[in-house]
Amino acid sequence: MHDALAYLWRHPRRTGFIALNLIVLAAFVGWGVFTANMTNEGLGGVPNLMLGYTGLALLTVLWLAAWIAWGWLVASRQMRRKSG
């Protein structure tokens, strides 16, 4: 257990990326649980739905940008290792 925590401490970017993915997953699951019973709200629930969908759209863009940045980081690191 100590080795695992030491590994995560030595790699804060990787730990942060794992945390971001877990937060995004929790937000998607939470949104699914929250909207499961929204059919009972009628028109009064529409603003909540729109606000939630907007937040999830922004979260999805952030999540995709994080994955693209991670891919760029890994690819550039591989290129440096090959050329060096």
N, C-alpha and C. Protein backbone atom coordinates (compact mmCIF):
# COMPACT_ATOMS: atom_id res chain seq x y z
N MET A 1 0.83 -1.19 0.00
CA MET A 1 0.00 0.00 0.00
C MET A 1 0.87 1.25 0.00
N HIS A 2 1.93 1.23 0.79
CA HIS A 2 2.83 2.37 0.85
C HIS A 2 3.48 2.62 -0.50
N ASP A 3 3.83 1.54 -1.22
CA ASP A 3 4.44 1.69 -2.54
C ASP A 3 3.48 2.34 -3.53
N ALA A 4 2.21 1.98 -3.45
CA ALA A 4 1.22 2.56 -4.35
C ALA A 4 1.06 4.05 -4.07
N LEU A 5 0.99 4.44 -2.81
CA LEU A 5 0.87 5.86 -2.49
C LEU A 5 2.13 6.63 -2.88
N ALA A 6 3.28 6.02 -2.70
CA ALA A 6 4.53 6.67 -3.11
C ALA A 6 4.56 6.85 -4.62
N TYR A 7 4.06 5.87 -5.35
CA TYR A 7 4.02 5.97 -6.81
C TYR A 7 3.12 7.13 -7.23
N LEU A 8 1.94 7.23 -6.63
CA LEU A 8 1.03 8.31 -6.98
C LEU A 8 1.60 9.67 -6.59
N TRP A 9 2.33 9.73 -5.51
CA TRP A 9 2.93 10.99 -5.08
C TRP A 9 4.03 11.43 -6.04
N ARG A 10 4.77 10.45 -6.58
CA ARG A 10 5.85 10.77 -7.52
C ARG A 10 5.33 11.22 -8.88
N HIS A 11 4.09 10.90 -9.21
CA HIS A 11 3.52 11.24 -10.51
C HIS A 11 2.23 12.05 -10.33
N PRO A 12 2.35 13.33 -9.96
CA PRO A 12 1.14 14.11 -9.67
C PRO A 12 0.27 14.35 -10.90
N ARG A 13 0.87 14.45 -12.10
CA ARG A 13 0.05 14.64 -13.29
C ARG A 13 -0.80 13.41 -13.56
N ARG A 14 -0.19 12.25 -13.41
CA ARG A 14 -0.92 11.01 -13.63
C ARG A 14 -2.02 10.86 -12.57
N THR A 15 -1.71 11.19 -11.34
CA THR A 15 -2.70 11.12 -10.26
C THR A 15 -3.84 12.09 -10.52
N GLY A 16 -3.51 13.30 -10.95
CA GLY A 16 -4.55 14.27 -11.27
C GLY A 16 -5.41 13.83 -12.42
N PHE A 17 -4.80 13.19 -13.41
CA PHE A 17 -5.56 12.71 -14.56
C PHE A 17 -6.51 11.59 -14.15
N ILE A 18 -6.05 10.71 -13.29
CA ILE A 18 -6.92 9.65 -12.77
C ILE A 18 -8.06 10.26 -11.98
N ALA A 19 -7.76 11.26 -11.15
CA ALA A 19 -8.79 11.92 -10.35
C ALA A 19 -9.81 12.61 -11.26
N LEU A 20 -9.35 13.28 -12.31
CA LEU A 20 -10.26 13.93 -13.25
C LEU A 20 -11.19 12.92 -13.88
N ASN A 21 -10.65 11.78 -14.32
CA ASN A 21 -11.50 10.76 -14.93
C ASN A 21 -12.52 10.21 -13.94
N LEU A 22 -12.13 10.04 -12.70
CA LEU A 22 -13.09 9.56 -11.69
C LEU A 22 -14.17 10.59 -11.41
N ILE A 23 -13.79 11.87 -11.38
CA ILE A 23 -14.77 12.93 -11.14
C ILE A 23 -15.76 13.01 -12.30
N VAL A 24 -15.26 12.92 -13.53
CA VAL A 24 -16.14 12.96 -14.70
C VAL A 24 -17.08 11.76 -14.69
N LEU A 25 -16.56 10.59 -14.38
CA LEU A 25 -17.41 9.40 -14.31
C LEU A 25 -18.49 9.56 -13.24
N ALA A 26 -18.11 10.08 -12.08
CA ALA A 26 -19.08 10.30 -11.00
C ALA A 26 -20.13 11.34 -11.42
N ALA A 27 -19.72 12.37 -12.15
CA ALA A 27 -20.68 13.39 -12.61
C ALA A 27 -21.66 12.79 -13.61
N PHE A 28 -21.18 11.97 -14.53
CA PHE A 28 -22.09 11.33 -15.50
C PHE A 28 -23.07 10.40 -14.80
N VAL A 29 -22.58 9.60 -13.87
CA VAL A 29 -23.47 8.69 -13.13
C VAL A 29 -24.45 9.49 -12.27
N GLY A 30 -23.96 10.52 -11.61
CA GLY A 30 -24.83 11.36 -10.79
C GLY A 30 -25.90 12.04 -11.62
N TRP A 31 -25.53 12.52 -12.79
CA TRP A 31 -26.52 13.15 -13.67
C TRP A 31 -27.56 12.13 -14.13
N GLY A 32 -27.13 10.91 -14.42
CA GLY A 32 -28.07 9.87 -14.80
C GLY A 32 -29.04 9.53 -13.68
N VAL A 33 -28.54 9.47 -12.47
CA VAL A 33 -29.41 9.19 -11.31
C VAL A 33 -30.36 10.35 -11.07
N PHE A 34 -29.87 11.58 -11.21
CA PHE A 34 -30.69 12.76 -10.98
C PHE A 34 -31.81 12.88 -12.01
N THR A 35 -31.52 12.59 -13.27
CA THR A 35 -32.52 12.75 -14.32
C THR A 35 -33.41 11.53 -14.49
N ALA A 36 -33.15 10.47 -13.77
CA ALA A 36 -33.97 9.27 -13.92
C ALA A 36 -35.43 9.52 -13.56
N ASN A 37 -35.68 10.42 -12.63
CA ASN A 37 -37.06 10.68 -12.22
C ASN A 37 -37.52 12.08 -12.61
N MET A 38 -36.92 12.69 -13.61
CA MET A 38 -37.29 14.04 -14.01
C MET A 38 -38.60 14.08 -14.80
N THR A 39 -39.13 12.94 -15.21
CA THR A 39 -40.39 12.95 -15.94
C THR A 39 -41.54 13.42 -15.06
N ASN A 40 -41.39 13.34 -13.76
CA ASN A 40 -42.43 13.80 -12.83
C ASN A 40 -42.43 15.31 -12.65
N GLU A 41 -41.39 15.99 -13.07
CA GLU A 41 -41.25 17.42 -12.85
C GLU A 41 -42.08 18.26 -13.82
N GLY A 42 -42.34 17.76 -15.00
CA GLY A 42 -43.08 18.54 -16.00
C GLY A 42 -42.24 19.69 -16.53
N LEU A 43 -42.89 20.79 -16.87
CA LEU A 43 -42.18 21.94 -17.44
C LEU A 43 -41.30 22.63 -16.41
N GLY A 44 -41.60 22.48 -15.15
CA GLY A 44 -40.79 23.10 -14.10
C GLY A 44 -39.38 22.53 -14.04
N GLY A 45 -39.18 21.32 -14.53
CA GLY A 45 -37.87 20.70 -14.50
C GLY A 45 -37.00 21.02 -15.71
N VAL A 46 -37.57 21.70 -16.71
CA VAL A 46 -36.82 21.99 -17.94
C VAL A 46 -35.59 22.85 -17.67
N PRO A 47 -35.68 23.93 -16.87
CA PRO A 47 -34.46 24.71 -16.60
C PRO A 47 -33.35 23.87 -15.94
N ASN A 48 -33.74 22.99 -15.03
CA ASN A 48 -32.74 22.13 -14.40
C ASN A 48 -32.10 21.19 -15.42
N LEU A 49 -32.91 20.65 -16.32
CA LEU A 49 -32.37 19.78 -17.35
C LEU A 49 -31.41 20.53 -18.26
N MET A 50 -31.81 21.72 -18.70
CA MET A 50 -30.96 22.50 -19.61
C MET A 50 -29.65 22.91 -18.94
N LEU A 51 -29.74 23.31 -17.69
CA LEU A 51 -28.53 23.67 -16.96
C LEU A 51 -27.62 22.45 -16.80
N GLY A 52 -28.22 21.33 -16.50
CA GLY A 52 -27.43 20.10 -16.36
C GLY A 52 -26.80 19.66 -17.66
N TYR A 53 -27.56 19.72 -18.74
CA TYR A 53 -27.00 19.33 -20.04
C TYR A 53 -25.89 20.28 -20.47
N THR A 54 -26.04 21.57 -20.17
CA THR A 54 -24.98 22.52 -20.50
C THR A 54 -23.72 22.21 -19.69
N GLY A 55 -23.91 21.92 -18.41
CA GLY A 55 -22.76 21.57 -17.58
C GLY A 55 -22.09 20.29 -18.05
N LEU A 56 -22.88 19.30 -18.44
CA LEU A 56 -22.30 18.06 -18.93
C LEU A 56 -21.59 18.26 -20.26
N ALA A 57 -22.12 19.14 -21.10
CA ALA A 57 -21.44 19.44 -22.37
C ALA A 57 -20.08 20.09 -22.11
N LEU A 58 -20.05 21.05 -21.18
CA LEU A 58 -18.76 21.68 -20.85
C LEU A 58 -17.80 20.68 -20.20
N LEU A 59 -18.33 19.81 -19.36
CA LEU A 59 -17.50 18.78 -18.73
C LEU A 59 -16.95 17.82 -19.77
N THR A 60 -17.76 17.48 -20.77
CA THR A 60 -17.31 16.59 -21.84
C THR A 60 -16.20 17.24 -22.66
N VAL A 61 -16.34 18.53 -22.95
CA VAL A 61 -15.29 19.24 -23.69
C VAL A 61 -14.00 19.27 -22.88
N LEU A 62 -14.11 19.54 -21.58
CA LEU A 62 -12.94 19.53 -20.71
C LEU A 62 -12.29 18.16 -20.67
N TRP A 63 -13.11 17.13 -20.58
CA TRP A 63 -12.62 15.76 -20.51
C TRP A 63 -11.90 15.37 -21.81
N LEU A 64 -12.50 15.71 -22.95
CA LEU A 64 -11.85 15.42 -24.23
C LEU A 64 -10.55 16.20 -24.38
N ALA A 65 -10.54 17.46 -23.95
CA ALA A 65 -9.31 18.26 -24.02
C ALA A 65 -8.22 17.65 -23.14
N ALA A 66 -8.60 17.12 -21.98
CA ALA A 66 -7.62 16.49 -21.10
C ALA A 66 -7.05 15.23 -21.75
N TRP A 67 -7.88 14.44 -22.40
CA TRP A 67 -7.39 13.24 -23.07
C TRP A 67 -6.49 13.60 -24.25
N ILE A 68 -6.84 14.63 -25.00
CA ILE A 68 -6.00 15.07 -26.12
C ILE A 68 -4.66 15.57 -25.59
N ALA A 69 -4.68 16.36 -24.52
CA ALA A 69 -3.43 16.85 -23.93
C ALA A 69 -2.59 15.70 -23.42
N TRP A 70 -3.21 14.70 -22.81
CA TRP A 70 -2.46 13.54 -22.32
C TRP A 70 -1.84 12.78 -23.49
N GLY A 71 -2.60 12.61 -24.56
CA GLY A 71 -2.06 11.94 -25.75
C GLY A 71 -0.90 12.71 -26.36
N TRP A 72 -1.04 14.04 -26.39
CA TRP A 72 0.04 14.89 -26.90
C TRP A 72 1.29 14.75 -26.03
N LEU A 73 1.11 14.73 -24.73
CA LEU A 73 2.23 14.59 -23.81
C LEU A 73 2.95 13.26 -24.02
N VAL A 74 2.18 12.19 -24.12
CA VAL A 74 2.78 10.87 -24.31
C VAL A 74 3.49 10.79 -25.65
N ALA A 75 2.86 11.30 -26.71
CA ALA A 75 3.47 11.25 -28.04
C ALA A 75 4.75 12.08 -28.10
N SER A 76 4.73 13.26 -27.50
CA SER A 76 5.93 14.10 -27.54
C SER A 76 7.06 13.47 -26.71
N ARG A 77 6.71 12.83 -25.62
CA ARG A 77 7.72 12.15 -24.81
C ARG A 77 8.33 10.98 -25.58
N GLN A 78 7.50 10.25 -26.32
CA GLN A 78 8.01 9.14 -27.12
C GLN A 78 8.92 9.64 -28.24
N MET A 79 8.57 10.77 -28.85
CA MET A 79 9.39 11.34 -29.92
C MET A 79 10.74 11.78 -29.37
N ARG A 80 10.75 12.37 -28.17
CA ARG A 80 12.02 12.80 -27.58
C ARG A 80 12.91 11.61 -27.25
N ARG A 81 12.31 10.52 -26.80
CA ARG A 81 13.11 9.33 -26.47
C ARG A 81 13.71 8.71 -27.72
N LYS A 82 12.97 8.72 -28.82
CA LYS A 82 13.46 8.12 -30.06
C LYS A 82 14.58 8.96 -30.68
N SER A 83 14.45 10.30 -30.57
CA SER A 83 15.44 11.16 -31.20
C SER A 83 16.67 11.39 -30.32
N GLY A 84 16.54 11.08 -29.05
CA GLY A 84 17.63 11.39 -28.12
C GLY A 84 18.50 10.26 -27.85
